[in-house]
């Protein structure tokens, strides 16, 4: 039987002949995490912490709006939830793309899906407990009515997300990890329904827009993260296959950006009528945070364009990985800001 390396069958080592003896040739060692990757993770961790703790107060400053109780905790938990979804979606879509690349190595990076799913389950459970406490951060068990989770729409959606993450964690360790796409789809639907209560005008349209937006965002951020991990692992074995994988992803990402832009604009106009958008982008907490998100997406789009040009015109197409890494970092910050956006009060329609 073949050995398992990074969760997939390893290539059999070749042999070299020394005199009359056959000596196994050393298999290419997988690259180790460098200081750049560590620094990027540290930046994201610090940004998530600062934005979660100070973001709600900073966004609400001078607007006259009241902060929702426990907004910083909700932001932090949603950062974990969104990041978990992105990681898992990436590990589903990137291998699917790799199977369509000629001469692609069989090696895959070490899977992060199981750990991400357990982290997402913890975050979803924390959000469910907040719902059980009447959308307040509970300080003791008596503050929570767990039975209320089964009687309310928000409670059922929160429980659905917890269960979906648990199922995804189990499937991540199965022989068909791609099957975790089903519970991930359930989480996306739950998030879309949660963001648009039945009392809202046209809730189904709003949920449909959010579902497409949420799915495309997860595919963009998570897909690029895992594609870059695969390219890094393949660089010494099949650099041409790595460049082809990155190019295939880039072609799909262009469509994702268009869908994100269209659904984002439509959702914004549903929240803010056209005549009030410019004013609310600076005078409301939701508008300020949305503006920050738009700027981050614009930076990520510029980095994606730079990477795509290098893929087409550079002597070494894999130099596109440099702007793509900064793109991943920018998308990570966008996920954090998006989590903050969900914890802020929705602007009043004027």
Protein backbone atom coordinates (compact mmCIF):
# COMPACT_ATOMS: atom_id res chain seq x y z
CA UNK A 1 0.00 0.00 0.00
CA UNK A 2 1.09 3.55 -0.63
CA UNK A 3 1.96 5.83 2.25
CA UNK A 4 -0.30 8.74 3.10
CA UNK A 5 1.38 12.12 2.75
CA UNK A 6 -0.65 15.22 3.60
CA UNK A 7 -3.80 13.15 3.59
CA UNK A 8 -3.42 11.58 0.08
CA UNK A 9 -1.42 8.70 -1.36
CA UNK A 10 2.20 9.67 -1.85
CA UNK A 11 4.11 9.12 -5.07
CA UNK A 12 6.42 6.11 -4.91
CA UNK A 13 10.01 7.24 -4.54
CA UNK A 14 12.25 6.61 -7.53
CA UNK A 15 15.56 4.78 -7.17
CA UNK A 16 19.07 5.66 -8.17
CA UNK A 17 21.87 3.18 -8.74
CA UNK A 18 25.16 3.50 -6.90
CA UNK A 19 27.58 0.80 -8.08
CA UNK A 20 25.57 -2.40 -7.95
CA UNK A 21 23.15 -1.24 -5.30
CA UNK A 22 19.78 0.46 -5.77
CA UNK A 23 19.28 3.34 -3.35
CA UNK A 24 15.85 4.98 -2.99
CA UNK A 25 15.98 8.59 -4.10
CA UNK A 26 14.74 11.08 -1.57
CA UNK A 27 11.25 12.37 -2.27
CA UNK A 28 10.97 16.13 -2.59
CA UNK A 29 10.45 17.60 0.84
CA UNK A 30 7.32 19.68 1.22
CA UNK A 31 8.03 23.35 1.73
CA UNK A 32 7.89 24.60 5.26
CA UNK A 33 5.83 27.53 6.42
CA UNK A 34 7.91 30.69 6.17
CA UNK A 35 7.96 33.86 8.15
CA UNK A 36 5.70 35.57 5.60
CA UNK A 37 2.88 33.11 6.20
CA UNK A 38 3.30 33.36 9.96
CA UNK A 39 3.26 37.16 9.75
CA UNK A 40 0.09 37.09 7.62
CA UNK A 41 -1.69 34.84 10.14
CA UNK A 42 -0.57 37.13 12.95
CA UNK A 43 -1.89 40.19 11.09
CA UNK A 44 -5.27 38.52 10.57
CA UNK A 45 -5.45 37.42 14.21
CA UNK A 46 -4.63 40.90 15.51
CA UNK A 47 -7.03 42.53 13.04
CA UNK A 48 -9.85 40.16 13.99
CA UNK A 49 -9.28 40.83 17.68
CA UNK A 50 -9.07 44.62 17.34
CA UNK A 51 -12.04 44.91 14.98
CA UNK A 52 -14.15 42.59 17.14
CA UNK A 53 -13.43 44.48 20.36
CA UNK A 54 -13.23 48.07 19.11
CA UNK A 55 -15.01 47.92 15.75
CA UNK A 56 -18.63 48.31 16.93
CA UNK A 57 -17.79 51.34 19.08
CA UNK A 58 -15.69 52.97 16.37
CA UNK A 59 -18.35 52.43 13.70
CA UNK A 60 -21.14 53.77 15.92
CA UNK A 61 -19.21 56.80 17.18
CA UNK A 62 -21.08 60.02 16.47
CA UNK A 63 -23.97 58.35 14.61
CA UNK A 64 -26.50 58.51 17.44
CA UNK A 65 -27.23 54.80 16.98
CA UNK A 66 -27.28 52.36 19.87
CA UNK A 67 -24.97 49.36 19.85
CA UNK A 68 -26.58 45.96 20.10
CA UNK A 69 -25.73 44.18 23.37
CA UNK A 70 -22.63 42.03 23.02
CA UNK A 71 -21.86 43.26 19.51
CA UNK A 72 -18.15 42.56 19.99
CA UNK A 73 -18.83 38.95 20.94
CA UNK A 74 -21.17 38.49 17.99
CA UNK A 75 -18.52 39.93 15.67
CA UNK A 76 -15.82 37.61 16.99
CA UNK A 77 -18.03 34.52 16.73
CA UNK A 78 -19.08 35.42 13.19
CA UNK A 79 -15.44 35.93 12.20
CA UNK A 80 -14.77 32.35 13.30
CA UNK A 81 -17.89 31.06 11.57
CA UNK A 82 -17.21 32.80 8.25
CA UNK A 83 -13.53 31.82 8.28
CA UNK A 84 -14.47 28.18 8.94
CA UNK A 85 -16.84 28.16 5.97
CA UNK A 86 -14.20 29.72 3.68
CA UNK A 87 -11.55 27.17 4.65
CA UNK A 88 -13.89 24.23 4.08
CA UNK A 89 -15.27 25.55 0.79
CA UNK A 90 -11.70 26.06 -0.44
CA UNK A 91 -10.77 22.46 0.32
CA UNK A 92 -13.78 21.28 -1.67
CA UNK A 93 -13.36 23.45 -4.77
CA UNK A 94 -9.54 23.45 -5.15
CA UNK A 95 -9.12 19.66 -5.51
CA UNK A 96 -12.04 19.69 -7.96
CA UNK A 97 -10.13 22.21 -10.08
CA UNK A 98 -6.89 20.23 -9.69
CA UNK A 99 -8.47 17.11 -11.18
CA UNK A 100 -8.91 19.06 -14.42
CA UNK A 101 -5.24 20.06 -14.67
CA UNK A 102 -3.09 17.84 -16.95
CA UNK A 103 -0.13 16.17 -15.22
CA UNK A 104 -1.25 17.43 -11.84
CA UNK A 105 0.61 15.78 -8.92
CA UNK A 106 -1.41 13.67 -6.55
CA UNK A 107 -0.07 15.48 -3.50
CA UNK A 108 -2.45 17.71 -1.58
CA UNK A 109 -1.69 19.99 1.37
CA UNK A 110 -2.57 18.86 4.86
CA UNK A 111 -6.31 19.26 5.33
CA UNK A 112 -7.63 22.04 7.53
CA UNK A 113 -11.32 21.25 7.03
CA UNK A 114 -11.85 19.11 10.12
CA UNK A 115 -10.28 21.67 12.47
CA UNK A 116 -12.16 24.50 10.72
CA UNK A 117 -15.45 22.62 11.04
CA UNK A 118 -14.98 22.06 14.77
CA UNK A 119 -14.08 25.72 15.18
CA UNK A 120 -17.17 26.69 13.20
CA UNK A 121 -19.32 24.43 15.39
CA UNK A 122 -18.02 26.19 18.52
CA UNK A 123 -18.74 29.60 16.98
CA UNK A 124 -22.23 28.53 15.87
CA UNK A 125 -22.93 27.12 19.34
CA UNK A 126 -21.87 30.42 20.91
CA UNK A 127 -24.24 32.31 18.61
CA UNK A 128 -27.03 29.83 19.42
CA UNK A 129 -26.57 30.47 23.15
CA UNK A 130 -26.85 34.21 22.52
CA UNK A 131 -30.13 33.58 20.68
CA UNK A 132 -31.30 31.42 23.60
CA UNK A 133 -30.64 34.34 25.94
CA UNK A 134 -32.88 36.67 23.92
CA UNK A 135 -30.05 37.98 21.71
CA UNK A 136 -28.09 38.98 24.81
CA UNK A 137 -24.72 37.63 25.89
CA UNK A 138 -25.54 35.22 28.75
CA UNK A 139 -23.58 35.52 31.98
CA UNK A 140 -25.12 32.47 33.68
CA UNK A 141 -27.12 29.38 32.76
CA UNK A 142 -30.33 30.88 34.08
CA UNK A 143 -30.15 33.57 31.41
CA UNK A 144 -30.72 31.02 28.66
CA UNK A 145 -33.90 29.25 27.60
CA UNK A 146 -32.58 26.41 25.46
CA UNK A 147 -36.09 25.19 24.71
CA UNK A 148 -36.73 28.55 23.05
CA UNK A 149 -34.27 27.57 20.32
CA UNK A 150 -36.81 25.04 19.05
CA UNK A 151 -39.69 27.52 19.13
CA UNK A 152 -38.23 30.44 17.20
CA UNK A 153 -37.04 30.89 13.66
CA UNK A 154 -33.66 32.30 14.70
CA UNK A 155 -33.20 29.47 17.18
CA UNK A 156 -33.87 26.77 14.58
CA UNK A 157 -31.47 28.42 12.12
CA UNK A 158 -28.79 28.60 14.83
CA UNK A 159 -29.22 24.91 15.64
CA UNK A 160 -29.12 24.06 11.94
CA UNK A 161 -25.71 25.73 11.65
CA UNK A 162 -24.34 23.87 14.68
CA UNK A 163 -25.52 20.52 13.30
CA UNK A 164 -24.22 21.31 9.80
CA UNK A 165 -20.74 22.09 11.12
CA UNK A 166 -20.70 18.85 13.12
CA UNK A 167 -21.67 16.85 10.04
CA UNK A 168 -19.01 18.68 7.99
CA UNK A 169 -16.38 17.81 10.62
CA UNK A 170 -17.24 14.12 10.33
CA UNK A 171 -17.30 14.18 6.52
CA UNK A 172 -13.91 15.94 6.41
CA UNK A 173 -12.35 12.75 7.82
CA UNK A 174 -14.31 10.43 5.54
CA UNK A 175 -13.24 8.87 2.25
CA UNK A 176 -15.31 11.48 0.40
CA UNK A 177 -14.45 14.83 1.99
CA UNK A 178 -16.12 16.64 -0.93
CA UNK A 179 -19.45 15.50 0.55
CA UNK A 180 -19.08 18.28 3.11
CA UNK A 181 -20.36 20.59 0.38
CA UNK A 182 -23.89 19.55 1.45
CA UNK A 183 -23.71 20.76 5.08
CA UNK A 184 -21.83 23.85 3.89
CA UNK A 185 -24.73 24.61 1.55
CA UNK A 186 -27.09 24.27 4.52
CA UNK A 187 -25.01 26.81 6.46
CA UNK A 188 -25.14 29.25 3.53
CA UNK A 189 -28.94 28.91 3.34
CA UNK A 190 -29.26 29.39 7.11
CA UNK A 191 -27.12 32.54 7.00
CA UNK A 192 -29.17 33.93 4.11
CA UNK A 193 -32.44 33.32 5.95
CA UNK A 194 -31.07 34.68 9.24
CA UNK A 195 -30.03 37.95 7.61
CA UNK A 196 -33.56 38.58 6.28
CA UNK A 197 -36.34 38.01 8.83
CA UNK A 198 -39.88 37.35 7.68
CA UNK A 199 -40.95 40.84 8.81
CA UNK A 200 -38.73 42.45 6.17
CA UNK A 201 -40.14 43.61 2.84
CA UNK A 202 -39.36 40.96 0.22
CA UNK A 203 -37.41 38.60 2.54
CA UNK A 204 -37.08 35.86 -0.09
CA UNK A 205 -35.41 38.22 -2.56
CA UNK A 206 -33.05 39.44 0.13
CA UNK A 207 -32.22 35.88 1.16
CA UNK A 208 -31.56 34.88 -2.46
CA UNK A 209 -29.17 37.82 -2.93
CA UNK A 210 -27.37 37.02 0.33
CA UNK A 211 -27.11 33.33 -0.55
CA UNK A 212 -25.38 34.08 -3.86
CA UNK A 213 -23.18 36.75 -2.26
CA UNK A 214 -22.17 34.49 0.65
CA UNK A 215 -21.41 31.54 -1.62
CA UNK A 216 -19.32 33.56 -4.08
CA UNK A 217 -17.37 35.20 -1.27
CA UNK A 218 -16.53 31.82 0.29
CA UNK A 219 -15.48 30.41 -3.10
CA UNK A 220 -13.26 33.43 -3.80
CA UNK A 221 -11.50 33.61 -0.44
CA UNK A 222 -11.40 29.92 0.43
CA UNK A 223 -10.65 28.77 -3.10
CA UNK A 224 -7.69 31.10 -3.51
CA UNK A 225 -6.27 30.13 -0.11
CA UNK A 226 -6.26 26.42 -0.92
CA UNK A 227 -5.14 26.88 -4.53
CA UNK A 228 -2.08 28.80 -3.32
CA UNK A 229 -1.32 26.05 -0.81
CA UNK A 230 -1.46 23.47 -3.61
CA UNK A 231 0.68 25.57 -5.96
CA UNK A 232 3.28 25.97 -3.21
CA UNK A 233 3.39 22.21 -2.70
CA UNK A 234 3.60 21.47 -6.44
CA UNK A 235 6.21 24.10 -7.27
CA UNK A 236 9.16 21.73 -7.06
CA UNK A 237 7.34 18.81 -8.73
CA UNK A 238 5.25 20.30 -11.53
CA UNK A 239 5.47 24.11 -11.74
CA UNK A 240 3.55 24.10 -15.03
CA UNK A 241 0.65 22.29 -13.36
CA UNK A 242 0.69 24.82 -10.54
CA UNK A 243 0.52 27.72 -12.99
CA UNK A 244 -2.35 26.03 -14.85
CA UNK A 245 -4.26 25.49 -11.60
CA UNK A 246 -3.86 29.15 -10.64
CA UNK A 247 -4.97 30.22 -14.13
CA UNK A 248 -8.08 28.04 -13.97
CA UNK A 249 -8.96 29.51 -10.61
CA UNK A 250 -8.39 33.08 -11.91
CA UNK A 251 -10.82 32.52 -14.78
CA UNK A 252 -13.54 31.40 -12.37
CA UNK A 253 -12.76 34.18 -9.89
CA UNK A 254 -13.61 36.81 -12.52
CA UNK A 255 -17.18 35.48 -12.64
CA UNK A 256 -17.32 35.39 -8.84
CA UNK A 257 -16.33 39.06 -8.67
CA UNK A 258 -19.09 40.02 -11.10
CA UNK A 259 -21.69 38.09 -9.08
CA UNK A 260 -20.43 39.63 -5.83
CA UNK A 261 -20.64 43.12 -7.28
CA UNK A 262 -24.16 42.69 -8.65
CA UNK A 263 -25.58 41.07 -5.51
CA UNK A 264 -23.75 43.54 -3.26
CA UNK A 265 -25.14 46.56 -5.10
CA UNK A 266 -28.67 45.12 -5.13
CA UNK A 267 -28.51 44.33 -1.41
CA UNK A 268 -27.20 47.80 -0.61
CA UNK A 269 -30.03 49.46 -2.55
CA UNK A 270 -32.53 47.32 -0.62
CA UNK A 271 -31.02 48.53 2.66
CA UNK A 272 -30.45 52.12 1.55
CA UNK A 273 -32.62 53.81 -1.08
CA UNK A 274 -30.54 55.35 -3.92
CA UNK A 275 -31.14 58.92 -2.78
CA UNK A 276 -29.71 58.25 0.70
CA UNK A 277 -26.79 55.95 -0.03
CA UNK A 278 -24.03 58.58 -0.10
CA UNK A 279 -25.24 60.16 3.13
CA UNK A 280 -25.70 56.86 4.98
CA UNK A 281 -22.27 55.59 3.93
CA UNK A 282 -20.74 58.19 6.25
CA UNK A 283 -23.49 58.89 8.80
CA UNK A 284 -24.45 55.35 9.88
CA UNK A 285 -22.38 52.56 11.41
CA UNK A 286 -23.63 50.09 8.82
CA UNK A 287 -22.75 52.47 5.98
CA UNK A 288 -19.25 53.19 7.30
CA UNK A 289 -18.48 49.50 7.68
CA UNK A 290 -19.94 48.75 4.25
CA UNK A 291 -17.70 51.46 2.77
CA UNK A 292 -14.65 49.85 4.42
CA UNK A 293 -15.68 46.50 2.97
CA UNK A 294 -16.07 47.98 -0.52
CA UNK A 295 -12.59 49.51 -0.33
CA UNK A 296 -11.08 46.18 0.74
CA UNK A 297 -12.83 44.36 -2.11
CA UNK A 298 -11.50 46.98 -4.53
CA UNK A 299 -7.94 46.38 -3.27
CA UNK A 300 -8.41 42.61 -3.56
CA UNK A 301 -9.72 43.04 -7.11
CA UNK A 302 -6.68 45.14 -8.09
CA UNK A 303 -4.36 42.47 -6.67
CA UNK A 304 -6.28 39.79 -8.56
CA UNK A 305 -5.88 41.76 -11.80
CA UNK A 306 -2.14 42.09 -11.14
CA UNK A 307 -1.84 38.34 -10.55
CA UNK A 308 -3.77 37.58 -13.73
CA UNK A 309 -1.48 39.81 -15.80
CA UNK A 310 1.57 38.04 -14.43
CA UNK A 311 0.03 34.68 -15.27
CA UNK A 312 -0.36 35.80 -18.89
CA UNK A 313 2.77 37.84 -19.54
CA UNK A 314 5.50 37.07 -16.99
CA UNK A 315 8.39 34.79 -17.94
CA UNK A 316 7.63 32.79 -14.79
CA UNK A 317 3.84 32.62 -14.38
CA UNK A 318 4.22 31.57 -10.75
CA UNK A 319 5.37 35.09 -9.85
CA UNK A 320 1.61 35.69 -9.80
CA UNK A 321 1.61 34.01 -6.39
CA UNK A 322 3.05 37.15 -4.77
CA UNK A 323 0.09 39.48 -5.43
CA UNK A 324 -2.24 36.51 -4.91
CA UNK A 325 -0.92 36.07 -1.37
CA UNK A 326 -1.63 39.71 -0.60
CA UNK A 327 -5.06 39.17 -2.14
CA UNK A 328 -5.73 36.36 0.33
CA UNK A 329 -4.68 38.61 3.21
CA UNK A 330 -6.99 41.37 1.97
CA UNK A 331 -9.86 38.91 1.61
CA UNK A 332 -9.22 37.73 5.16
CA UNK A 333 -9.59 41.30 6.39
CA UNK A 334 -12.77 41.58 4.32
CA UNK A 335 -14.20 38.54 6.12
CA UNK A 336 -13.51 40.24 9.46
CA UNK A 337 -15.20 43.48 8.36
CA UNK A 338 -18.16 41.49 7.00
CA UNK A 339 -18.57 39.84 10.39
CA UNK A 340 -18.65 43.29 11.99
CA UNK A 341 -21.28 44.37 9.46
CA UNK A 342 -23.64 41.59 10.63
CA UNK A 343 -23.39 42.79 14.25
CA UNK A 344 -24.35 46.41 13.54
CA UNK A 345 -27.88 47.85 13.36
CA UNK A 346 -29.36 47.96 9.87
CA UNK A 347 -29.91 51.58 8.75
CA UNK A 348 -33.43 52.93 8.82
CA UNK A 349 -34.99 53.43 5.39
CA UNK A 350 -35.64 57.17 4.98
